[in-house]
C-alpha atoms as a PDB file:
ATOM      1  CA  MET A   1      33.622 167.025 126.643  1.00  0.00           C
ATOM      2  CA  ALA A   2      31.049 164.266 126.431  1.00  0.00           C
ATOM      3  CA  ILE A   3      28.208 166.506 125.287  1.00  0.00           C
ATOM      4  CA  VAL A   4      29.383 166.962 121.689  1.00  0.00           C
ATOM      5  CA  PRO A   5      29.707 163.219 120.916  1.00  0.00           C
ATOM      6  CA  PHE A   6      26.441 162.602 122.770  1.00  0.00           C
ATOM      7  CA  ASN A   7      24.680 165.227 120.634  1.00  0.00           C
ATOM      8  CA  THR A   8      26.201 163.807 117.460  1.00  0.00           C
ATOM      9  CA  VAL A   9      25.060 160.251 118.166  1.00  0.00           C
ATOM     10  CA  ILE A  10      21.532 161.301 119.142  1.00  0.00           C
ATOM     11  CA  LEU A  11      21.023 163.638 116.192  1.00  0.00           C
ATOM     12  CA  ALA A  12      22.632 161.276 113.658  1.00  0.00           C
ATOM     13  CA  THR A  13      20.328 158.411 114.628  1.00  0.00           C
ATOM     14  CA  ALA A  14      17.112 160.466 114.705  1.00  0.00           C
ATOM     15  CA  PRO A  15      14.924 160.375 111.576  1.00  0.00           C
ATOM     16  CA  ALA A  16      15.249 163.543 109.475  1.00  0.00           C
ATOM     17  CA  GLU A  17      11.617 164.558 109.999  1.00  0.00           C
ATOM     18  CA  TYR A  18      12.165 164.564 113.787  1.00  0.00           C
ATOM     19  CA  ALA A  19      15.551 166.331 113.831  1.00  0.00           C
ATOM     20  CA  GLY A  20      14.172 169.620 115.159  1.00  0.00           C
ATOM     21  CA  ILE A  21      12.154 168.127 117.985  1.00  0.00           C
ATOM     22  CA  THR A  22      15.010 165.755 118.814  1.00  0.00           C
ATOM     23  CA  ALA A  23      17.449 168.653 119.145  1.00  0.00           C
ATOM     24  CA  GLY A  24      14.999 170.572 121.318  1.00  0.00           C
ATOM     25  CA  VAL A  25      14.321 167.649 123.642  1.00  0.00           C
ATOM     26  CA  LEU A  26      18.046 166.860 123.841  1.00  0.00           C
ATOM     27  CA  GLN A  27      19.014 170.399 124.827  1.00  0.00           C
ATOM     28  CA  THR A  28      16.161 170.607 127.320  1.00  0.00           C
ATOM     29  CA  ALA A  29      17.225 167.316 128.908  1.00  0.00           C
ATOM     30  CA  LEU A  30      20.850 168.456 129.135  1.00  0.00           C
ATOM     31  CA  THR A  31      19.890 171.769 130.737  1.00  0.00           C
ATOM     32  CA  ILE A  32      17.469 170.244 133.239  1.00  0.00           C
ATOM     33  CA  GLY A  33      19.862 167.395 134.005  1.00  0.00           C
ATOM     34  CA  GLY A  34      22.715 169.783 134.705  1.00  0.00           C
ATOM     35  CA  SER A  35      20.562 171.962 136.930  1.00  0.00           C
ATOM     36  CA  VAL A  36      19.129 169.045 138.897  1.00  0.00           C
ATOM     37  CA  GLY A  37      22.547 167.412 139.208  1.00  0.00           C
ATOM     38  CA  LEU A  38      24.123 170.572 140.582  1.00  0.00           C
ATOM     39  CA  ALA A  39      21.217 171.090 142.962  1.00  0.00           C
ATOM     40  CA  LEU A  40      21.486 167.519 144.268  1.00  0.00           C
ATOM     41  CA  MET A  41      25.214 167.900 144.797  1.00  0.00           C
ATOM     42  CA  LEU A  42      24.670 171.150 146.724  1.00  0.00           C
ATOM     43  CA  ILE A  43      22.214 169.644 149.235  1.00  0.00           C
ATOM     44  CA  PRO A  44      24.775 168.222 151.694  1.00  0.00           C
ATOM     45  CA  PHE A  45      26.804 171.414 151.685  1.00  0.00           C
ATOM     46  CA  ALA A  46      23.892 173.838 152.012  1.00  0.00           C
ATOM     47  CA  ARG A  47      23.133 172.538 155.503  1.00  0.00           C
ATOM     48  CA  ALA A  48      26.725 172.831 156.695  1.00  0.00           C
ATOM     49  CA  GLY A  49      26.507 176.600 157.209  1.00  0.00           C
ATOM     50  CA  GLN A  50      29.402 177.348 154.864  1.00  0.00           C
ATOM     51  CA  GLY A  51      29.629 180.374 152.608  1.00  0.00           C
ATOM     52  CA  ALA A  52      28.541 180.154 148.982  1.00  0.00           C
ATOM     53  CA  GLU A  53      32.097 180.113 147.625  1.00  0.00           C
ATOM     54  CA  ASP A  54      33.097 177.228 149.919  1.00  0.00           C
ATOM     55  CA  THR A  55      29.937 175.310 149.075  1.00  0.00           C
ATOM     56  CA  ILE A  56      30.358 175.610 145.324  1.00  0.00           C
ATOM     57  CA  SER A  57      34.075 174.784 145.497  1.00  0.00           C
ATOM     58  CA  SER A  58      33.305 171.667 147.529  1.00  0.00           C
ATOM     59  CA  VAL A  59      30.703 170.586 144.989  1.00  0.00           C
ATOM     60  CA  PHE A  60      33.152 170.858 142.116  1.00  0.00           C
ATOM     61  CA  VAL A  61      35.776 168.903 144.042  1.00  0.00           C
ATOM     62  CA  ARG A  62      33.166 166.240 144.747  1.00  0.00           C
ATOM     63  CA  ALA A  63      31.977 166.259 141.119  1.00  0.00           C
ATOM     64  CA  SER A  64      35.469 165.785 139.662  1.00  0.00           C
ATOM     65  CA  PRO A  65      35.594 161.993 140.143  1.00  0.00           C
ATOM     66  CA  VAL A  66      32.086 161.714 138.697  1.00  0.00           C
ATOM     67  CA  THR A  67      33.212 163.670 135.633  1.00  0.00           C
ATOM     68  CA  VAL A  68      36.319 161.519 135.195  1.00  0.00           C
ATOM     69  CA  ALA A  69      34.205 158.369 135.446  1.00  0.00           C
ATOM     70  CA  ALA A  70      31.720 159.789 132.926  1.00  0.00           C
ATOM     71  CA  ILE A  71      34.578 160.275 130.472  1.00  0.00           C
ATOM     72  CA  LEU A  72      36.378 156.987 131.120  1.00  0.00           C
ATOM     73  CA  VAL A  73      33.383 154.632 130.987  1.00  0.00           C
ATOM     74  CA  PRO A  74      32.431 155.460 127.359  1.00  0.00           C
ATOM     75  CA  LEU A  75      36.089 155.372 126.323  1.00  0.00           C
ATOM     76  CA  VAL A  76      36.566 151.926 127.846  1.00  0.00           C
ATOM     77  CA  LEU A  77      33.341 150.686 126.278  1.00  0.00           C
ATOM     78  CA  ARG A  78      34.330 152.105 122.892  1.00  0.00           C
ATOM     79  CA  PHE A  79      38.020 151.207 122.797  1.00  0.00           C
ATOM     80  CA  GLY A  80      38.412 148.642 125.592  1.00  0.00           C
ATOM     81  CA  PRO A  81      38.620 144.864 125.445  1.00  0.00           C
ATOM     82  CA  GLY A  82      36.082 143.336 123.112  1.00  0.00           C
ATOM     83  CA  ALA A  83      35.315 146.614 121.325  1.00  0.00           C
ATOM     84  CA  ALA A  84      36.674 145.395 117.969  1.00  0.00           C
ATOM     85  CA  LYS A  85      34.424 142.301 117.823  1.00  0.00           C
ATOM     86  CA  GLY A  86      31.648 143.965 115.848  1.00  0.00           C
ATOM     87  CA  ARG A  87      33.845 145.767 113.341  1.00  0.00           C
ATOM     88  CA  ALA A  88      34.388 144.538 109.825  1.00  0.00           C
ATOM     89  CA  PRO A  89      38.009 143.802 108.851  1.00  0.00           C
ATOM     90  CA  ALA A  90      39.784 146.487 106.840  1.00  0.00           C
ATOM     91  CA  ALA A  91      39.977 145.778 103.129  1.00  0.00           C
END
């Protein structure tokens, strides 16, 4: 859910002549980041001797609070206290 707004902000702020390379680097970073993140979350469970289905289920249960925090932090920063300070008043 956070990837689409993230992509929009990155691509909207990149200069037009660098839009292609920006999109490529962004997608590469997202793919590598997701792969490394999943691998890091699997490390503690891989040594426990559990089956693959138990390991992956445990990782997703453990990743759920991280996902919720990743959604809530930008929302609080965007709409939370003090967010309206930089906005111009409506005409």
